[in-house]
Amino acid sequence: MSSDDLYRMAAMDAKMLQDRILTAAGRTIDVSDGHAVAQALADALLAVVQDYLTRTSNEYDVELFLEVNGSKPESITSWPVNILAGLSLRRIPTADRHAMCESAVQIAARRLRSTSGS
């Protein structure tokens, strides 16, 4: 698979996860800036992937992941895409990726609900 295909798939996955977050959080969430859901997803992915790597790898792998993905990029919307593409590049088992995405959706939805006062 080419890197373009990998990022295209990651972008589709990120969009689907963000739609699920909106549904889980409730449609009363203010998404007018277009970044709140992407930010929530990226933050949640950072947490669940870091936890996963801590359990399944070593501290150097965790440090590398955070070095590559830990800083907020200029384009917030690309942040979760980059993280998801990185999971595919690491060849993390599909079941583990799905479990991390499920956890990230739940975490992000809870955070959005709590910040919106719903």
PDB file of N, CA and C in Angstrom:
ATOM      1  N   MET A   1       0.843  -1.174   0.000  1.00  0.00           N
ATOM      2  CA  MET A   1       0.000   0.000   0.000  1.00  0.00           C
ATOM      3  C   MET A   1       0.893   1.244   0.000  1.00  0.00           C
ATOM      4  N   SER A   2       0.573   2.179  -0.851  1.00  0.00           N
ATOM      5  CA  SER A   2       1.364   3.406  -0.933  1.00  0.00           C
ATOM      6  C   SER A   2       1.053   4.310   0.266  1.00  0.00           C
ATOM      7  N   SER A   3       1.929   5.256   0.510  1.00  0.00           N
ATOM      8  CA  SER A   3       1.698   6.181   1.626  1.00  0.00           C
ATOM      9  C   SER A   3       0.464   7.051   1.364  1.00  0.00           C
ATOM     10  N   ASP A   4       0.204   7.368   0.094  1.00  0.00           N
ATOM     11  CA  ASP A   4      -1.015   8.127  -0.231  1.00  0.00           C
ATOM     12  C   ASP A   4      -2.266   7.328   0.129  1.00  0.00           C
ATOM     13  N   ASP A   5      -2.255   6.045  -0.201  1.00  0.00           N
ATOM     14  CA  ASP A   5      -3.388   5.181   0.137  1.00  0.00           C
ATOM     15  C   ASP A   5      -3.549   5.063   1.645  1.00  0.00           C
ATOM     16  N   LEU A   6      -2.432   4.940   2.335  1.00  0.00           N
ATOM     17  CA  LEU A   6      -2.460   4.817   3.787  1.00  0.00           C
ATOM     18  C   LEU A   6      -3.081   6.061   4.430  1.00  0.00           C
ATOM     19  N   TYR A   7      -2.676   7.234   3.987  1.00  0.00           N
ATOM     20  CA  TYR A   7      -3.221   8.478   4.541  1.00  0.00           C
ATOM     21  C   TYR A   7      -4.675   8.700   4.121  1.00  0.00           C
ATOM     22  N   ARG A   8      -5.015   8.265   2.928  1.00  0.00           N
ATOM     23  CA  ARG A   8      -6.407   8.373   2.483  1.00  0.00           C
ATOM     24  C   ARG A   8      -7.306   7.503   3.370  1.00  0.00           C
ATOM     25  N   MET A   9      -6.863   6.291   3.653  1.00  0.00           N
ATOM     26  CA  MET A   9      -7.625   5.405   4.538  1.00  0.00           C
ATOM     27  C   MET A   9      -7.696   5.968   5.955  1.00  0.00           C
ATOM     28  N   ALA A  10      -6.586   6.515   6.439  1.00  0.00           N
ATOM     29  CA  ALA A  10      -6.564   7.111   7.774  1.00  0.00           C
ATOM     30  C   ALA A  10      -7.503   8.311   7.852  1.00  0.00           C
ATOM     31  N   ALA A  11      -7.564   9.093   6.777  1.00  0.00           N
ATOM     32  CA  ALA A  11      -8.467  10.249   6.747  1.00  0.00           C
ATOM     33  C   ALA A  11      -9.928   9.794   6.787  1.00  0.00           C
ATOM     34  N   MET A  12     -10.242   8.733   6.066  1.00  0.00           N
ATOM     35  CA  MET A  12     -11.611   8.208   6.090  1.00  0.00           C
ATOM     36  C   MET A  12     -11.944   7.654   7.478  1.00  0.00           C
ATOM     37  N   ASP A  13     -10.988   6.957   8.076  1.00  0.00           N
ATOM     38  CA  ASP A  13     -11.195   6.432   9.432  1.00  0.00           C
ATOM     39  C   ASP A  13     -11.400   7.562  10.435  1.00  0.00           C
ATOM     40  N   ALA A  14     -10.573   8.609  10.326  1.00  0.00           N
ATOM     41  CA  ALA A  14     -10.691   9.749  11.249  1.00  0.00           C
ATOM     42  C   ALA A  14     -12.058  10.407  11.109  1.00  0.00           C
ATOM     43  N   LYS A  15     -12.528  10.570   9.886  1.00  0.00           N
ATOM     44  CA  LYS A  15     -13.849  11.171   9.653  1.00  0.00           C
ATOM     45  C   LYS A  15     -14.948  10.318  10.268  1.00  0.00           C
ATOM     46  N   MET A  16     -14.866   9.011  10.075  1.00  0.00           N
ATOM     47  CA  MET A  16     -15.864   8.097  10.623  1.00  0.00           C
ATOM     48  C   MET A  16     -15.834   8.143  12.160  1.00  0.00           C
ATOM     49  N   LEU A  17     -14.649   8.156  12.751  1.00  0.00           N
ATOM     50  CA  LEU A  17     -14.539   8.223  14.209  1.00  0.00           C
ATOM     51  C   LEU A  17     -15.086   9.550  14.738  1.00  0.00           C
ATOM     52  N   GLN A  18     -14.817  10.642  14.036  1.00  0.00           N
ATOM     53  CA  GLN A  18     -15.332  11.942  14.466  1.00  0.00           C
ATOM     54  C   GLN A  18     -16.850  11.993  14.371  1.00  0.00           C
ATOM     55  N   ASP A  19     -17.409  11.370  13.349  1.00  0.00           N
ATOM     56  CA  ASP A  19     -18.872  11.294  13.248  1.00  0.00           C
ATOM     57  C   ASP A  19     -19.447  10.494  14.415  1.00  0.00           C
ATOM     58  N   ARG A  20     -18.789   9.413  14.774  1.00  0.00           N
ATOM     59  CA  ARG A  20     -19.243   8.597  15.903  1.00  0.00           C
ATOM     60  C   ARG A  20     -19.125   9.367  17.218  1.00  0.00           C
ATOM     61  N   ILE A  21     -18.074  10.172  17.347  1.00  0.00           N
ATOM     62  CA  ILE A  21     -17.900  10.989  18.557  1.00  0.00           C
ATOM     63  C   ILE A  21     -19.046  11.990  18.665  1.00  0.00           C
ATOM     64  N   LEU A  22     -19.369  12.644  17.559  1.00  0.00           N
ATOM     65  CA  LEU A  22     -20.487  13.600  17.564  1.00  0.00           C
ATOM     66  C   LEU A  22     -21.794  12.933  17.962  1.00  0.00           C
ATOM     67  N   THR A  23     -22.033  11.762  17.427  1.00  0.00           N
ATOM     68  CA  THR A  23     -23.252  11.037  17.762  1.00  0.00           C
ATOM     69  C   THR A  23     -23.264  10.680  19.240  1.00  0.00           C
ATOM     70  N   ALA A  24     -22.148  10.173  19.741  1.00  0.00           N
ATOM     71  CA  ALA A  24     -22.065   9.766  21.148  1.00  0.00           C
ATOM     72  C   ALA A  24     -22.128  10.966  22.095  1.00  0.00           C
ATOM     73  N   ALA A  25     -21.568  12.091  21.664  1.00  0.00           N
ATOM     74  CA  ALA A  25     -21.539  13.280  22.522  1.00  0.00           C
ATOM     75  C   ALA A  25     -22.855  14.033  22.487  1.00  0.00           C
ATOM     76  N   GLY A  26     -23.613  13.833  21.440  1.00  0.00           N
ATOM     77  CA  GLY A  26     -24.869  14.572  21.294  1.00  0.00           C
ATOM     78  C   GLY A  26     -24.671  15.718  20.326  1.00  0.00           C
ATOM     79  N   ARG A  27     -25.673  15.992  19.569  1.00  0.00           N
ATOM     80  CA  ARG A  27     -25.572  17.013  18.520  1.00  0.00           C
ATOM     81  C   ARG A  27     -25.579  18.441  19.050  1.00  0.00           C
ATOM     82  N   THR A  28     -25.626  18.614  20.363  1.00  0.00           N
ATOM     83  CA  THR A  28     -25.601  19.964  20.921  1.00  0.00           C
ATOM     84  C   THR A  28     -24.177  20.503  21.045  1.00  0.00           C
ATOM     85  N   ILE A  29     -23.192  19.708  20.693  1.00  0.00           N
ATOM     86  CA  ILE A  29     -21.794  20.128  20.768  1.00  0.00           C
ATOM     87  C   ILE A  29     -21.544  21.193  19.697  1.00  0.00           C
ATOM     88  N   ASP A  30     -20.879  22.280  20.077  1.00  0.00           N
ATOM     89  CA  ASP A  30     -20.551  23.350  19.134  1.00  0.00           C
ATOM     90  C   ASP A  30     -19.351  22.925  18.294  1.00  0.00           C
ATOM     91  N   VAL A  31     -19.576  22.702  17.020  1.00  0.00           N
ATOM     92  CA  VAL A  31     -18.502  22.293  16.118  1.00  0.00           C
ATOM     93  C   VAL A  31     -18.263  23.345  15.041  1.00  0.00           C
ATOM     94  N   SER A  32     -18.633  24.581  15.340  1.00  0.00           N
ATOM     95  CA  SER A  32     -18.551  25.643  14.342  1.00  0.00           C
ATOM     96  C   SER A  32     -17.130  25.907  13.859  1.00  0.00           C
ATOM     97  N   ASP A  33     -16.132  25.700  14.713  1.00  0.00           N
ATOM     98  CA  ASP A  33     -14.758  25.951  14.275  1.00  0.00           C
ATOM     99  C   ASP A  33     -14.170  24.767  13.518  1.00  0.00           C
ATOM    100  N   GLY A  34     -14.837  23.614  13.566  1.00  0.00           N
ATOM    101  CA  GLY A  34     -14.361  22.451  12.836  1.00  0.00           C
ATOM    102  C   GLY A  34     -13.196  21.733  13.467  1.00  0.00           C
ATOM    103  N   HIS A  35     -12.728  22.217  14.609  1.00  0.00           N
ATOM    104  CA  HIS A  35     -11.544  21.627  15.218  1.00  0.00           C
ATOM    105  C   HIS A  35     -11.812  20.887  16.526  1.00  0.00           C
ATOM    106  N   ALA A  36     -12.915  21.159  17.179  1.00  0.00           N
ATOM    107  CA  ALA A  36     -13.155  20.597  18.506  1.00  0.00           C
ATOM    108  C   ALA A  36     -13.171  19.073  18.501  1.00  0.00           C
ATOM    109  N   VAL A  37     -13.836  18.486  17.529  1.00  0.00           N
ATOM    110  CA  VAL A  37     -13.932  17.025  17.483  1.00  0.00           C
ATOM    111  C   VAL A  37     -12.585  16.412  17.085  1.00  0.00           C
ATOM    112  N   ALA A  38     -11.898  17.024  16.133  1.00  0.00           N
ATOM    113  CA  ALA A  38     -10.570  16.527  15.735  1.00  0.00           C
ATOM    114  C   ALA A  38      -9.596  16.609  16.899  1.00  0.00           C
ATOM    115  N   GLN A  39      -9.648  17.703  17.643  1.00  0.00           N
ATOM    116  CA  GLN A  39      -8.790  17.875  18.817  1.00  0.00           C
ATOM    117  C   GLN A  39      -9.115  16.817  19.870  1.00  0.00           C
ATOM    118  N   ALA A  40     -10.398  16.606  20.123  1.00  0.00           N
ATOM    119  CA  ALA A  40     -10.805  15.611  21.119  1.00  0.00           C
ATOM    120  C   ALA A  40     -10.366  14.213  20.703  1.00  0.00           C
ATOM    121  N   LEU A  41     -10.511  13.887  19.422  1.00  0.00           N
ATOM    122  CA  LEU A  41     -10.085  12.575  18.934  1.00  0.00           C
ATOM    123  C   LEU A  41      -8.575  12.417  19.049  1.00  0.00           C
ATOM    124  N   ALA A  42      -7.826  13.424  18.636  1.00  0.00           N
ATOM    125  CA  ALA A  42      -6.360  13.339  18.723  1.00  0.00           C
ATOM    126  C   ALA A  42      -5.908  13.171  20.172  1.00  0.00           C
ATOM    127  N   ASP A  43      -6.461  13.963  21.076  1.00  0.00           N
ATOM    128  CA  ASP A  43      -6.092  13.847  22.491  1.00  0.00           C
ATOM    129  C   ASP A  43      -6.398  12.450  23.028  1.00  0.00           C
ATOM    130  N   ALA A  44      -7.572  11.926  22.672  1.00  0.00           N
ATOM    131  CA  ALA A  44      -7.954  10.593  23.147  1.00  0.00           C
ATOM    132  C   ALA A  44      -7.061   9.518  22.532  1.00  0.00           C
ATOM    133  N   LEU A  45      -6.758   9.643  21.246  1.00  0.00           N
ATOM    134  CA  LEU A  45      -5.863   8.675  20.607  1.00  0.00           C
ATOM    135  C   LEU A  45      -4.480   8.698  21.241  1.00  0.00           C
ATOM    136  N   LEU A  46      -3.967   9.886  21.531  1.00  0.00           N
ATOM    137  CA  LEU A  46      -2.665   9.977  22.188  1.00  0.00           C
ATOM    138  C   LEU A  46      -2.660   9.187  23.490  1.00  0.00           C
ATOM    139  N   ALA A  47      -3.717   9.331  24.266  1.00  0.00           N
ATOM    140  CA  ALA A  47      -3.794   8.653  25.554  1.00  0.00           C
ATOM    141  C   ALA A  47      -3.880   7.144  25.391  1.00  0.00           C
ATOM    142  N   VAL A  48      -4.769   6.663  24.524  1.00  0.00           N
ATOM    143  CA  VAL A  48      -4.955   5.215  24.414  1.00  0.00           C
ATOM    144  C   VAL A  48      -3.776   4.538  23.723  1.00  0.00           C
ATOM    145  N   VAL A  49      -3.177   5.189  22.744  1.00  0.00           N
ATOM    146  CA  VAL A  49      -2.018   4.599  22.079  1.00  0.00           C
ATOM    147  C   VAL A  49      -0.821   4.578  23.031  1.00  0.00           C
ATOM    148  N   GLN A  50      -0.639   5.646  23.789  1.00  0.00           N
ATOM    149  CA  GLN A  50       0.461   5.660  24.757  1.00  0.00           C
ATOM    150  C   GLN A  50       0.285   4.528  25.774  1.00  0.00           C
ATOM    151  N   ASP A  51      -0.936   4.344  26.260  1.00  0.00           N
ATOM    152  CA  ASP A  51      -1.213   3.259  27.197  1.00  0.00           C
ATOM    153  C   ASP A  51      -0.932   1.899  26.553  1.00  0.00           C
ATOM    154  N   TYR A  52      -1.384   1.727  25.320  1.00  0.00           N
ATOM    155  CA  TYR A  52      -1.156   0.468  24.600  1.00  0.00           C
ATOM    156  C   TYR A  52       0.344   0.190  24.444  1.00  0.00           C
ATOM    157  N   LEU A  53       1.086   1.188  23.992  1.00  0.00           N
ATOM    158  CA  LEU A  53       2.521   0.992  23.782  1.00  0.00           C
ATOM    159  C   LEU A  53       3.261   0.750  25.097  1.00  0.00           C
ATOM    160  N   THR A  54       2.796   1.368  26.169  1.00  0.00           N
ATOM    161  CA  THR A  54       3.408   1.137  27.477  1.00  0.00           C
ATOM    162  C   THR A  54       3.252  -0.331  27.873  1.00  0.00           C
ATOM    163  N   ARG A  55       2.096  -0.906  27.562  1.00  0.00           N
ATOM    164  CA  ARG A  55       1.833  -2.306  27.917  1.00  0.00           C
ATOM    165  C   ARG A  55       2.492  -3.295  26.971  1.00  0.00           C
ATOM    166  N   THR A  56       2.660  -2.940  25.692  1.00  0.00           N
ATOM    167  CA  THR A  56       3.079  -3.920  24.696  1.00  0.00           C
ATOM    168  C   THR A  56       4.474  -3.695  24.124  1.00  0.00           C
ATOM    169  N   SER A  57       5.109  -2.604  24.451  1.00  0.00           N
ATOM    170  CA  SER A  57       6.400  -2.279  23.833  1.00  0.00           C
ATOM    171  C   SER A  57       7.374  -1.847  24.916  1.00  0.00           C
ATOM    172  N   ASN A  58       8.195  -0.860  24.604  1.00  0.00           N
ATOM    173  CA  ASN A  58       9.163  -0.365  25.586  1.00  0.00           C
ATOM    174  C   ASN A  58       9.126   1.159  25.634  1.00  0.00           C
ATOM    175  N   GLU A  59       9.839   1.711  26.604  1.00  0.00           N
ATOM    176  CA  GLU A  59       9.775   3.166  26.805  1.00  0.00           C
ATOM    177  C   GLU A  59      10.300   3.951  25.604  1.00  0.00           C
ATOM    178  N   TYR A  60      11.215   3.360  24.821  1.00  0.00           N
ATOM    179  CA  TYR A  60      11.746   4.062  23.661  1.00  0.00           C
ATOM    180  C   TYR A  60      10.687   4.178  22.563  1.00  0.00           C
ATOM    181  N   ASP A  61       9.877   3.138  22.437  1.00  0.00           N
ATOM    182  CA  ASP A  61       8.795   3.170  21.460  1.00  0.00           C
ATOM    183  C   ASP A  61       7.759   4.220  21.855  1.00  0.00           C
ATOM    184  N   VAL A  62       7.455   4.303  23.148  1.00  0.00           N
ATOM    185  CA  VAL A  62       6.519   5.308  23.641  1.00  0.00           C
ATOM    186  C   VAL A  62       7.081   6.704  23.395  1.00  0.00           C
ATOM    187  N   GLU A  63       8.356   6.899  23.701  1.00  0.00           N
ATOM    188  CA  GLU A  63       8.994   8.206  23.477  1.00  0.00           C
ATOM    189  C   GLU A  63       8.964   8.586  22.004  1.00  0.00           C
ATOM    190  N   LEU A  64       9.250   7.629  21.126  1.00  0.00           N
ATOM    191  CA  LEU A  64       9.230   7.909  19.687  1.00  0.00           C
ATOM    192  C   LEU A  64       7.822   8.279  19.231  1.00  0.00           C
ATOM    193  N   PHE A  65       6.832   7.525  19.706  1.00  0.00           N
ATOM    194  CA  PHE A  65       5.448   7.841  19.347  1.00  0.00           C
ATOM    195  C   PHE A  65       5.095   9.267  19.765  1.00  0.00           C
ATOM    196  N   LEU A  66       5.438   9.631  21.001  1.00  0.00           N
ATOM    197  CA  LEU A  66       5.107  10.970  21.488  1.00  0.00           C
ATOM    198  C   LEU A  66       5.912  12.045  20.766  1.00  0.00           C
ATOM    199  N   GLU A  67       7.150  11.730  20.405  1.00  0.00           N
ATOM    200  CA  GLU A  67       7.964  12.698  19.664  1.00  0.00           C
ATOM    201  C   GLU A  67       7.349  12.979  18.287  1.00  0.00           C
ATOM    202  N   VAL A  68       6.858  11.941  17.636  1.00  0.00           N
ATOM    203  CA  VAL A  68       6.279  12.088  16.300  1.00  0.00           C
ATOM    204  C   VAL A  68       4.871  12.680  16.363  1.00  0.00           C
ATOM    205  N   ASN A  69       4.062  12.250  17.341  1.00  0.00           N
ATOM    206  CA  ASN A  69       2.641  12.601  17.357  1.00  0.00           C
ATOM    207  C   ASN A  69       2.200  13.497  18.501  1.00  0.00           C
ATOM    208  N   GLY A  70       3.054  13.757  19.468  1.00  0.00           N
ATOM    209  CA  GLY A  70       2.641  14.448  20.678  1.00  0.00           C
ATOM    210  C   GLY A  70       2.417  15.938  20.562  1.00  0.00           C
ATOM    211  N   SER A  71       3.018  16.564  19.598  1.00  0.00           N
ATOM    212  CA  SER A  71       2.864  18.013  19.453  1.00  0.00           C
ATOM    213  C   SER A  71       1.738  18.342  18.489  1.00  0.00           C
ATOM    214  N   LYS A  72       0.943  19.318  18.875  1.00  0.00           N
ATOM    215  CA  LYS A  72      -0.187  19.741  18.045  1.00  0.00           C
ATOM    216  C   LYS A  72       0.343  20.357  16.752  1.00  0.00           C
ATOM    217  N   PRO A  73      -0.059  19.818  15.592  1.00  0.00           N
ATOM    218  CA  PRO A  73       0.371  20.391  14.316  1.00  0.00           C
ATOM    219  C   PRO A  73      -0.423  21.651  13.982  1.00  0.00           C
ATOM    220  N   GLU A  74       0.016  22.363  12.972  1.00  0.00           N
ATOM    221  CA  GLU A  74      -0.709  23.564  12.530  1.00  0.00           C
ATOM    222  C   GLU A  74      -2.139  23.232  12.142  1.00  0.00           C
ATOM    223  N   SER A  75      -2.308  22.130  11.461  1.00  0.00           N
ATOM    224  CA  SER A  75      -3.639  21.712  11.026  1.00  0.00           C
ATOM    225  C   SER A  75      -4.171  20.670  12.010  1.00  0.00           C
ATOM    226  N   ILE A  76      -5.055  21.120  12.900  1.00  0.00           N
ATOM    227  CA  ILE A  76      -5.616  20.229  13.911  1.00  0.00           C
ATOM    228  C   ILE A  76      -6.316  19.050  13.248  1.00  0.00           C
ATOM    229  N   THR A  77      -6.975  19.287  12.134  1.00  0.00           N
ATOM    230  CA  THR A  77      -7.723  18.212  11.490  1.00  0.00           C
ATOM    231  C   THR A  77      -6.817  17.083  10.983  1.00  0.00           C
ATOM    232  N   SER A  78      -5.553  17.376  10.743  1.00  0.00           N
ATOM    233  CA  SER A  78      -4.635  16.331  10.279  1.00  0.00           C
ATOM    234  C   SER A  78      -4.061  15.504  11.432  1.00  0.00           C
ATOM    235  N   TRP A  79      -4.195  15.992  12.666  1.00  0.00           N
ATOM    236  CA  TRP A  79      -3.583  15.317  13.802  1.00  0.00           C
ATOM    237  C   TRP A  79      -4.099  13.894  13.998  1.00  0.00           C
ATOM    238  N   PRO A  80      -5.411  13.677  14.102  1.00  0.00           N
ATOM    239  CA  PRO A  80      -5.862  12.295  14.265  1.00  0.00           C
ATOM    240  C   PRO A  80      -5.544  11.431  13.039  1.00  0.00           C
ATOM    241  N   VAL A  81      -5.536  12.018  11.860  1.00  0.00           N
ATOM    242  CA  VAL A  81      -5.190  11.275  10.648  1.00  0.00           C
ATOM    243  C   VAL A  81      -3.756  10.764  10.752  1.00  0.00           C
ATOM    244  N   ASN A  82      -2.851  11.631  11.173  1.00  0.00           N
ATOM    245  CA  ASN A  82      -1.449  11.229  11.313  1.00  0.00           C
ATOM    246  C   ASN A  82      -1.285  10.114  12.334  1.00  0.00           C
ATOM    247  N   ILE A  83      -2.001  10.208  13.446  1.00  0.00           N
ATOM    248  CA  ILE A  83      -1.905   9.175  14.478  1.00  0.00           C
ATOM    249  C   ILE A  83      -2.431   7.851  13.941  1.00  0.00           C
ATOM    250  N   LEU A  84      -3.577   7.879  13.282  1.00  0.00           N
ATOM    251  CA  LEU A  84      -4.154   6.648  12.731  1.00  0.00           C
ATOM    252  C   LEU A  84      -3.256   6.045  11.649  1.00  0.00           C
ATOM    253  N   ALA A  85      -2.661   6.883  10.807  1.00  0.00           N
ATOM    254  CA  ALA A  85      -1.734   6.378   9.793  1.00  0.00           C
ATOM    255  C   ALA A  85      -0.523   5.733  10.465  1.00  0.00           C
ATOM    256  N   GLY A  86      -0.062   6.345  11.557  1.00  0.00           N
ATOM    257  CA  GLY A  86       1.068   5.785  12.292  1.00  0.00           C
ATOM    258  C   GLY A  86       0.764   4.417  12.874  1.00  0.00           C
ATOM    259  N   LEU A  87      -0.467   4.214  13.311  1.00  0.00           N
ATOM    260  CA  LEU A  87      -0.848   2.893  13.828  1.00  0.00           C
ATOM    261  C   LEU A  87      -0.752   1.843  12.731  1.00  0.00           C
ATOM    262  N   SER A  88      -1.171   2.197  11.534  1.00  0.00           N
ATOM    263  CA  SER A  88      -1.073   1.253  10.414  1.00  0.00           C
ATOM    264  C   SER A  88       0.381   0.991  10.049  1.00  0.00           C
ATOM    265  N   LEU A  89       1.192   2.037  10.066  1.00  0.00           N
ATOM    266  CA  LEU A  89       2.612   1.867   9.750  1.00  0.00           C
ATOM    267  C   LEU A  89       3.314   0.968  10.764  1.00  0.00           C
ATOM    268  N   ARG A  90       2.889   1.021  12.012  1.00  0.00           N
ATOM    269  CA  ARG A  90       3.484   0.193  13.058  1.00  0.00           C
ATOM    270  C   ARG A  90       3.036  -1.259  12.976  1.00  0.00           C
ATOM    271  N   ARG A  91       2.081  -1.519  12.110  1.00  0.00           N
ATOM    272  CA  ARG A  91       1.527  -2.866  11.931  1.00  0.00           C
ATOM    273  C   ARG A  91       0.941  -3.420  13.229  1.00  0.00           C
ATOM    274  N   ILE A  92       0.253  -2.546  13.920  1.00  0.00           N
ATOM    275  CA  ILE A  92      -0.471  -2.958  15.125  1.00  0.00           C
ATOM    276  C   ILE A  92      -1.633  -3.834  14.673  1.00  0.00           C
ATOM    277  N   PRO A  93      -1.857  -4.941  15.351  1.00  0.00           N
ATOM    278  CA  PRO A  93      -2.940  -5.839  14.948  1.00  0.00           C
ATOM    279  C   PRO A  93      -4.284  -5.112  14.831  1.00  0.00           C
ATOM    280  N   THR A  94      -5.060  -5.517  13.846  1.00  0.00           N
ATOM    281  CA  THR A  94      -6.340  -4.879  13.562  1.00  0.00           C
ATOM    282  C   THR A  94      -7.245  -4.843  14.789  1.00  0.00           C
ATOM    283  N   ALA A  95      -7.332  -5.945  15.514  1.00  0.00           N
ATOM    284  CA  ALA A  95      -8.196  -5.987  16.707  1.00  0.00           C
ATOM    285  C   ALA A  95      -7.746  -4.957  17.738  1.00  0.00           C
ATOM    286  N   ASP A  96      -6.446  -4.782  17.905  1.00  0.00           N
ATOM    287  CA  ASP A  96      -5.930  -3.794  18.856  1.00  0.00           C
ATOM    288  C   ASP A  96      -6.220  -2.375  18.386  1.00  0.00           C
ATOM    289  N   ARG A  97      -6.085  -2.129  17.071  1.00  0.00           N
ATOM    290  CA  ARG A  97      -6.402  -0.797  16.527  1.00  0.00           C
ATOM    291  C   ARG A  97      -7.874  -0.483  16.735  1.00  0.00           C
ATOM    292  N   HIS A  98      -8.728  -1.459  16.468  1.00  0.00           N
ATOM    293  CA  HIS A  98     -10.168  -1.245  16.667  1.00  0.00           C
ATOM    294  C   HIS A  98     -10.474  -0.955  18.134  1.00  0.00           C
ATOM    295  N   ALA A  99      -9.853  -1.692  19.039  1.00  0.00           N
ATOM    296  CA  ALA A  99     -10.089  -1.471  20.465  1.00  0.00           C
ATOM    297  C   ALA A  99      -9.622  -0.072  20.881  1.00  0.00           C
ATOM    298  N   MET A 100      -8.480   0.365  20.364  1.00  0.00           N
ATOM    299  CA  MET A 100      -7.989   1.705  20.680  1.00  0.00           C
ATOM    300  C   MET A 100      -8.932   2.769  20.136  1.00  0.00           C
ATOM    301  N   CYS A 101      -9.436   2.565  18.927  1.00  0.00           N
ATOM    302  CA  CYS A 101     -10.371   3.532  18.335  1.00  0.00           C
ATOM    303  C   CYS A 101     -11.666   3.587  19.131  1.00  0.00           C
ATOM    304  N   GLU A 102     -12.168   2.435  19.563  1.00  0.00           N
ATOM    305  CA  GLU A 102     -13.389   2.407  20.381  1.00  0.00           C
ATOM    306  C   GLU A 102     -13.184   3.191  21.674  1.00  0.00           C
ATOM    307  N   SER A 103     -12.068   2.944  22.334  1.00  0.00           N
ATOM    308  CA  SER A 103     -11.766   3.672  23.575  1.00  0.00           C
ATOM    309  C   SER A 103     -11.641   5.163  23.313  1.00  0.00           C
ATOM    310  N   ALA A 104     -10.968   5.515  22.226  1.00  0.00           N
ATOM    311  CA  ALA A 104     -10.777   6.933  21.894  1.00  0.00           C
ATOM    312  C   ALA A 104     -12.107   7.630  21.636  1.00  0.00           C
ATOM    313  N   VAL A 105     -13.028   6.955  20.961  1.00  0.00           N
ATOM    314  CA  VAL A 105     -14.346   7.539  20.697  1.00  0.00           C
ATOM    315  C   VAL A 105     -15.056   7.833  22.015  1.00  0.00           C
ATOM    316  N   GLN A 106     -15.043   6.873  22.922  1.00  0.00           N
ATOM    317  CA  GLN A 106     -15.724   7.047  24.211  1.00  0.00           C
ATOM    318  C   GLN A 106     -15.089   8.180  25.028  1.00  0.00           C
ATOM    319  N   ILE A 107     -13.773   8.215  25.075  1.00  0.00           N
ATOM    320  CA  ILE A 107     -13.058   9.259  25.824  1.00  0.00           C
ATOM    321  C   ILE A 107     -13.346  10.637  25.231  1.00  0.00           C
ATOM    322  N   ALA A 108     -13.237  10.742  23.909  1.00  0.00           N
ATOM    323  CA  ALA A 108     -13.454  12.032  23.244  1.00  0.00           C
ATOM    324  C   ALA A 108     -14.887  12.516  23.431  1.00  0.00           C
ATOM    325  N   ALA A 109     -15.854  11.618  23.324  1.00  0.00           N
ATOM    326  CA  ALA A 109     -17.256  12.003  23.502  1.00  0.00           C
ATOM    327  C   ALA A 109     -17.498  12.494  24.925  1.00  0.00           C
ATOM    328  N   ARG A 110     -16.937  11.799  25.909  1.00  0.00           N
ATOM    329  CA  ARG A 110     -17.088  12.241  27.307  1.00  0.00           C
ATOM    330  C   ARG A 110     -16.485  13.618  27.513  1.00  0.00           C
ATOM    331  N   ARG A 111     -15.313  13.855  26.943  1.00  0.00           N
ATOM    332  CA  ARG A 111     -14.659  15.160  27.095  1.00  0.00           C
ATOM    333  C   ARG A 111     -15.475  16.263  26.441  1.00  0.00           C
ATOM    334  N   LEU A 112     -15.999  15.987  25.264  1.00  0.00           N
ATOM    335  CA  LEU A 112     -16.805  17.010  24.580  1.00  0.00           C
ATOM    336  C   LEU A 112     -18.085  17.304  25.361  1.00  0.00           C
ATOM    337  N   ARG A 113     -18.721  16.256  25.874  1.00  0.00           N
ATOM    338  CA  ARG A 113     -19.939  16.476  26.686  1.00  0.00           C
ATOM    339  C   ARG A 113     -19.618  17.307  27.923  1.00  0.00           C
ATOM    340  N   SER A 114     -18.495  17.020  28.573  1.00  0.00           N
ATOM    341  CA  SER A 114     -18.162  17.739  29.803  1.00  0.00           C
ATOM    342  C   SER A 114     -17.796  19.191  29.538  1.00  0.00           C
ATOM    343  N   THR A 115     -17.193  19.471  28.387  1.00  0.00           N
ATOM    344  CA  THR A 115     -16.838  20.867  28.090  1.00  0.00           C
ATOM    345  C   THR A 115     -18.017  21.663  27.573  1.00  0.00           C
ATOM    346  N   SER A 116     -19.053  20.955  27.071  1.00  0.00           N
ATOM    347  CA  SER A 116     -20.215  21.679  26.553  1.00  0.00           C
ATOM    348  C   SER A 116     -21.273  21.902  27.626  1.00  0.00           C
ATOM    349  N   GLY A 117     -21.090  21.227  28.778  1.00  0.00           N
ATOM    350  CA  GLY A 117     -22.056  21.390  29.848  1.00  0.00           C
ATOM    351  C   GLY A 117     -23.294  20.532  29.688  1.00  0.00           C
ATOM    352  N   SER A 118     -23.260  19.587  28.728  1.00  0.00           N
ATOM    353  CA  SER A 118     -24.427  18.702  28.509  1.00  0.00           C
ATOM    354  C   SER A 118     -24.470  17.611  29.529  1.00  0.00           C
TER     355      SER A 118
END
